[in-house]
């Protein structure tokens, strides 16, 4: 086994780089904690999952529904990942499939009335949970932090639109 030696740079950019790495690790840890809490809250409070909530949220924003390919794109997951979730939500009466007029292969999915009502209840709880989980961040700090995170997202998604 060879010993690997990592030289510490005295470059100021290296110091900023290390600080950003530590920030990333803290963001990741916080995100995992929040996501784990949300998953547990959805399971115990609504007998559902975070992915089901995500599908319902995407469809709630578009009352006419979305094609499966559009839904996959919005959620940034494969069609296969969405299909199983949609199948179960249809079986539960939360979603309905509607054939697309000019494309026999495509279907649109949308929330049923019961699905919209269930989502609204879940969304209210979700907001409350997030508020509680992030209560260590002062309200006046939120706009600046949001702006910084949006800057990262914009920088990384340039050219994807």
C-alpha atoms as a PDB file:
ATOM      1  CA  UNK A   1       0.000   0.000   0.000  1.00  0.00           C
ATOM      2  CA  UNK A   2       1.326   3.416  -0.849  1.00  0.00           C
ATOM      3  CA  UNK A   3       0.853   6.477   1.242  1.00  0.00           C
ATOM      4  CA  UNK A   4      -0.862   9.298  -0.575  1.00  0.00           C
ATOM      5  CA  UNK A   5       0.279  12.741   0.412  1.00  0.00           C
ATOM      6  CA  UNK A   6      -2.075  15.630  -0.174  1.00  0.00           C
ATOM      7  CA  UNK A   7      -0.279  18.948  -0.107  1.00  0.00           C
ATOM      8  CA  UNK A   8      -2.110  21.833   1.448  1.00  0.00           C
ATOM      9  CA  UNK A   9      -2.071  24.837  -0.821  1.00  0.00           C
ATOM     10  CA  UNK A  10      -1.537  28.300   0.577  1.00  0.00           C
ATOM     11  CA  UNK A  11      -3.533  29.674  -2.310  1.00  0.00           C
ATOM     12  CA  UNK A  12      -6.462  31.823  -1.068  1.00  0.00           C
ATOM     13  CA  UNK A  13      -8.675  30.152  -3.688  1.00  0.00           C
ATOM     14  CA  UNK A  14      -7.875  26.791  -2.101  1.00  0.00           C
ATOM     15  CA  UNK A  15      -9.137  28.082   1.237  1.00  0.00           C
ATOM     16  CA  UNK A  16     -12.386  29.231  -0.387  1.00  0.00           C
ATOM     17  CA  UNK A  17     -12.629  25.873  -2.125  1.00  0.00           C
ATOM     18  CA  UNK A  18     -12.321  24.015   1.189  1.00  0.00           C
ATOM     19  CA  UNK A  19     -14.932  26.291   2.759  1.00  0.00           C
ATOM     20  CA  UNK A  20     -17.322  25.572  -0.124  1.00  0.00           C
ATOM     21  CA  UNK A  21     -16.702  21.857   0.274  1.00  0.00           C
ATOM     22  CA  UNK A  22     -17.554  22.075   3.980  1.00  0.00           C
ATOM     23  CA  UNK A  23     -20.666  24.103   3.102  1.00  0.00           C
ATOM     24  CA  UNK A  24     -21.722  21.451   0.584  1.00  0.00           C
ATOM     25  CA  UNK A  25     -21.338  18.691   3.176  1.00  0.00           C
ATOM     26  CA  UNK A  26     -23.452  20.679   5.642  1.00  0.00           C
ATOM     27  CA  UNK A  27     -26.123  21.325   2.988  1.00  0.00           C
ATOM     28  CA  UNK A  28     -26.174  17.630   2.131  1.00  0.00           C
ATOM     29  CA  UNK A  29     -26.468  16.616   5.785  1.00  0.00           C
ATOM     30  CA  UNK A  30     -29.280  19.115   6.384  1.00  0.00           C
ATOM     31  CA  UNK A  31     -31.098  18.021   3.226  1.00  0.00           C
ATOM     32  CA  UNK A  32     -30.896  14.354   4.206  1.00  0.00           C
ATOM     33  CA  UNK A  33     -32.208  15.166   7.682  1.00  0.00           C
ATOM     34  CA  UNK A  34     -35.140  17.197   6.349  1.00  0.00           C
ATOM     35  CA  UNK A  35     -35.957  14.583   3.711  1.00  0.00           C
ATOM     36  CA  UNK A  36     -35.904  11.763   6.289  1.00  0.00           C
ATOM     37  CA  UNK A  37     -38.274  13.731   8.531  1.00  0.00           C
ATOM     38  CA  UNK A  38     -40.615  14.442   5.620  1.00  0.00           C
ATOM     39  CA  UNK A  39     -40.651  10.788   4.562  1.00  0.00           C
ATOM     40  CA  UNK A  40     -41.531   9.721   8.106  1.00  0.00           C
ATOM     41  CA  UNK A  41     -44.198  12.419   8.463  1.00  0.00           C
ATOM     42  CA  UNK A  42     -45.844  11.456   5.164  1.00  0.00           C
ATOM     43  CA  UNK A  43     -45.753   7.783   6.148  1.00  0.00           C
ATOM     44  CA  UNK A  44     -47.238   8.274   9.599  1.00  0.00           C
ATOM     45  CA  UNK A  45     -49.530  11.210   8.850  1.00  0.00           C
ATOM     46  CA  UNK A  46     -50.921  10.233   5.464  1.00  0.00           C
ATOM     47  CA  UNK A  47     -49.820   6.644   4.823  1.00  0.00           C
ATOM     48  CA  UNK A  48     -48.059   7.863   1.697  1.00  0.00           C
ATOM     49  CA  UNK A  49     -44.574   8.517   0.357  1.00  0.00           C
ATOM     50  CA  UNK A  50     -42.562  11.560  -0.615  1.00  0.00           C
ATOM     51  CA  UNK A  51     -42.439  10.490  -4.296  1.00  0.00           C
ATOM     52  CA  UNK A  52     -46.252  10.208  -4.353  1.00  0.00           C
ATOM     53  CA  UNK A  53     -46.477  13.705  -2.864  1.00  0.00           C
ATOM     54  CA  UNK A  54     -44.043  14.995  -5.501  1.00  0.00           C
ATOM     55  CA  UNK A  55     -46.168  13.532  -8.323  1.00  0.00           C
ATOM     56  CA  UNK A  56     -49.325  15.010  -6.828  1.00  0.00           C
ATOM     57  CA  UNK A  57     -47.623  18.408  -6.381  1.00  0.00           C
ATOM     58  CA  UNK A  58     -46.548  18.501 -10.024  1.00  0.00           C
ATOM     59  CA  UNK A  59     -50.070  17.656 -11.164  1.00  0.00           C
ATOM     60  CA  UNK A  60     -51.711  20.083  -8.733  1.00  0.00           C
ATOM     61  CA  UNK A  61     -49.899  22.955 -10.433  1.00  0.00           C
ATOM     62  CA  UNK A  62     -51.507  22.024 -13.776  1.00  0.00           C
ATOM     63  CA  UNK A  63     -55.226  21.344 -13.390  1.00  0.00           C
ATOM     64  CA  UNK A  64     -55.469  20.003 -16.952  1.00  0.00           C
ATOM     65  CA  UNK A  65     -52.868  17.364 -16.180  1.00  0.00           C
ATOM     66  CA  UNK A  66     -49.593  16.396 -17.796  1.00  0.00           C
ATOM     67  CA  UNK A  67     -48.504  13.778 -20.276  1.00  0.00           C
ATOM     68  CA  UNK A  68     -46.422  11.085 -18.625  1.00  0.00           C
ATOM     69  CA  UNK A  69     -43.314  12.331 -20.444  1.00  0.00           C
ATOM     70  CA  UNK A  70     -43.986  15.880 -19.211  1.00  0.00           C
ATOM     71  CA  UNK A  71     -44.464  14.630 -15.666  1.00  0.00           C
ATOM     72  CA  UNK A  72     -41.165  12.738 -15.834  1.00  0.00           C
ATOM     73  CA  UNK A  73     -39.457  15.854 -17.132  1.00  0.00           C
ATOM     74  CA  UNK A  74     -40.906  18.087 -14.407  1.00  0.00           C
ATOM     75  CA  UNK A  75     -39.817  15.617 -11.727  1.00  0.00           C
ATOM     76  CA  UNK A  76     -36.465  14.962 -13.439  1.00  0.00           C
ATOM     77  CA  UNK A  77     -36.880  11.195 -13.250  1.00  0.00           C
ATOM     78  CA  UNK A  78     -37.314   8.439 -15.810  1.00  0.00           C
ATOM     79  CA  UNK A  79     -40.693   7.469 -17.245  1.00  0.00           C
ATOM     80  CA  UNK A  80     -40.291   4.092 -15.556  1.00  0.00           C
ATOM     81  CA  UNK A  81     -39.961   5.679 -12.122  1.00  0.00           C
ATOM     82  CA  UNK A  82     -43.142   7.685 -12.612  1.00  0.00           C
ATOM     83  CA  UNK A  83     -45.225   4.873 -14.115  1.00  0.00           C
ATOM     84  CA  UNK A  84     -45.331   2.735 -10.972  1.00  0.00           C
ATOM     85  CA  UNK A  85     -46.249   5.670  -8.764  1.00  0.00           C
ATOM     86  CA  UNK A  86     -48.940   6.830 -11.199  1.00  0.00           C
ATOM     87  CA  UNK A  87     -50.364   3.294 -11.438  1.00  0.00           C
ATOM     88  CA  UNK A  88     -50.822   3.131  -7.663  1.00  0.00           C
ATOM     89  CA  UNK A  89     -52.299   6.637  -7.482  1.00  0.00           C
ATOM     90  CA  UNK A  90     -54.790   5.727 -10.234  1.00  0.00           C
ATOM     91  CA  UNK A  91     -55.709   2.527  -8.350  1.00  0.00           C
ATOM     92  CA  UNK A  92     -56.272   4.626  -5.217  1.00  0.00           C
ATOM     93  CA  UNK A  93     -58.582   7.054  -7.047  1.00  0.00           C
ATOM     94  CA  UNK A  94     -56.150   9.961  -6.650  1.00  0.00           C
ATOM     95  CA  UNK A  95     -55.323  10.300 -10.358  1.00  0.00           C
ATOM     96  CA  UNK A  96     -57.148   9.621 -13.594  1.00  0.00           C
ATOM     97  CA  UNK A  97     -55.635   8.758 -16.978  1.00  0.00           C
ATOM     98  CA  UNK A  98     -56.996  10.548 -20.042  1.00  0.00           C
ATOM     99  CA  UNK A  99     -56.126   9.473 -23.596  1.00  0.00           C
ATOM    100  CA  UNK A 100     -54.392  12.130 -25.710  1.00  0.00           C
ATOM    101  CA  UNK A 101     -56.554  12.916 -28.761  1.00  0.00           C
ATOM    102  CA  UNK A 102     -53.899  12.872 -31.460  1.00  0.00           C
ATOM    103  CA  UNK A 103     -51.575  10.242 -29.986  1.00  0.00           C
ATOM    104  CA  UNK A 104     -52.893   6.777 -29.183  1.00  0.00           C
ATOM    105  CA  UNK A 105     -49.696   5.909 -27.309  1.00  0.00           C
ATOM    106  CA  UNK A 106     -49.817   8.876 -24.923  1.00  0.00           C
ATOM    107  CA  UNK A 107     -51.973   9.570 -21.900  1.00  0.00           C
ATOM    108  CA  UNK A 108     -52.409  12.593 -19.717  1.00  0.00           C
ATOM    109  CA  UNK A 109     -52.734  12.141 -15.970  1.00  0.00           C
ATOM    110  CA  UNK A 110     -54.423  14.563 -13.634  1.00  0.00           C
ATOM    111  CA  UNK A 111     -55.651  14.711 -10.075  1.00  0.00           C
ATOM    112  CA  UNK A 112     -59.219  13.699  -9.342  1.00  0.00           C
ATOM    113  CA  UNK A 113     -61.313  15.919  -7.085  1.00  0.00           C
ATOM    114  CA  UNK A 114     -60.479  13.585  -4.197  1.00  0.00           C
ATOM    115  CA  UNK A 115     -56.824  13.759  -5.207  1.00  0.00           C
ATOM    116  CA  UNK A 116     -56.830  17.564  -5.180  1.00  0.00           C
ATOM    117  CA  UNK A 117     -58.451  17.584  -1.735  1.00  0.00           C
ATOM    118  CA  UNK A 118     -55.966  15.052  -0.389  1.00  0.00           C
ATOM    119  CA  UNK A 119     -53.048  16.992  -1.853  1.00  0.00           C
ATOM    120  CA  UNK A 120     -54.259  20.245  -0.274  1.00  0.00           C
ATOM    121  CA  UNK A 121     -54.323  18.594   3.159  1.00  0.00           C
ATOM    122  CA  UNK A 122     -50.875  17.101   2.608  1.00  0.00           C
ATOM    123  CA  UNK A 123     -49.473  20.400   1.289  1.00  0.00           C
ATOM    124  CA  UNK A 124     -50.681  22.275   4.373  1.00  0.00           C
ATOM    125  CA  UNK A 125     -48.958  19.746   6.623  1.00  0.00           C
ATOM    126  CA  UNK A 126     -45.853  19.802   4.419  1.00  0.00           C
ATOM    127  CA  UNK A 127     -45.598  23.583   4.787  1.00  0.00           C
ATOM    128  CA  UNK A 128     -45.950  23.296   8.553  1.00  0.00           C
ATOM    129  CA  UNK A 129     -43.291  20.562   8.740  1.00  0.00           C
ATOM    130  CA  UNK A 130     -40.851  22.585   6.628  1.00  0.00           C
ATOM    131  CA  UNK A 131     -41.476  25.671   8.745  1.00  0.00           C
ATOM    132  CA  UNK A 132     -40.701  23.675  11.875  1.00  0.00           C
ATOM    133  CA  UNK A 133     -37.634  21.951  10.399  1.00  0.00           C
ATOM    134  CA  UNK A 134     -36.164  25.241   9.176  1.00  0.00           C
ATOM    135  CA  UNK A 135     -37.114  27.351  12.186  1.00  0.00           C
ATOM    136  CA  UNK A 136     -33.425  27.880  12.987  1.00  0.00           C
ATOM    137  CA  UNK A 137     -33.194  30.179   9.981  1.00  0.00           C
ATOM    138  CA  UNK A 138     -34.413  33.675  10.770  1.00  0.00           C
ATOM    139  CA  UNK A 139     -37.189  34.948   8.491  1.00  0.00           C
ATOM    140  CA  UNK A 140     -35.123  37.935   7.376  1.00  0.00           C
ATOM    141  CA  UNK A 141     -32.284  35.594   6.299  1.00  0.00           C
ATOM    142  CA  UNK A 142     -34.505  33.496   4.030  1.00  0.00           C
ATOM    143  CA  UNK A 143     -34.572  35.832   0.985  1.00  0.00           C
ATOM    144  CA  UNK A 144     -30.761  36.087   0.835  1.00  0.00           C
ATOM    145  CA  UNK A 145     -30.255  32.352   1.335  1.00  0.00           C
ATOM    146  CA  UNK A 146     -32.911  31.611  -1.298  1.00  0.00           C
ATOM    147  CA  UNK A 147     -31.175  33.969  -3.710  1.00  0.00           C
ATOM    148  CA  UNK A 148     -27.822  32.250  -3.164  1.00  0.00           C
ATOM    149  CA  UNK A 149     -29.298  28.785  -3.724  1.00  0.00           C
ATOM    150  CA  UNK A 150     -31.154  29.999  -6.818  1.00  0.00           C
ATOM    151  CA  UNK A 151     -27.870  31.371  -8.164  1.00  0.00           C
ATOM    152  CA  UNK A 152     -26.334  27.903  -7.856  1.00  0.00           C
ATOM    153  CA  UNK A 153     -29.346  26.302  -9.539  1.00  0.00           C
ATOM    154  CA  UNK A 154     -29.343  28.796 -12.424  1.00  0.00           C
ATOM    155  CA  UNK A 155     -25.633  28.344 -12.990  1.00  0.00           C
ATOM    156  CA  UNK A 156     -26.010  24.566 -13.158  1.00  0.00           C
ATOM    157  CA  UNK A 157     -29.152  24.452 -15.305  1.00  0.00           C
ATOM    158  CA  UNK A 158     -28.048  26.897 -18.005  1.00  0.00           C
ATOM    159  CA  UNK A 159     -28.614  25.273 -21.355  1.00  0.00           C
ATOM    160  CA  UNK A 160     -31.045  22.642 -20.028  1.00  0.00           C
ATOM    161  CA  UNK A 161     -34.121  24.702 -20.903  1.00  0.00           C
END
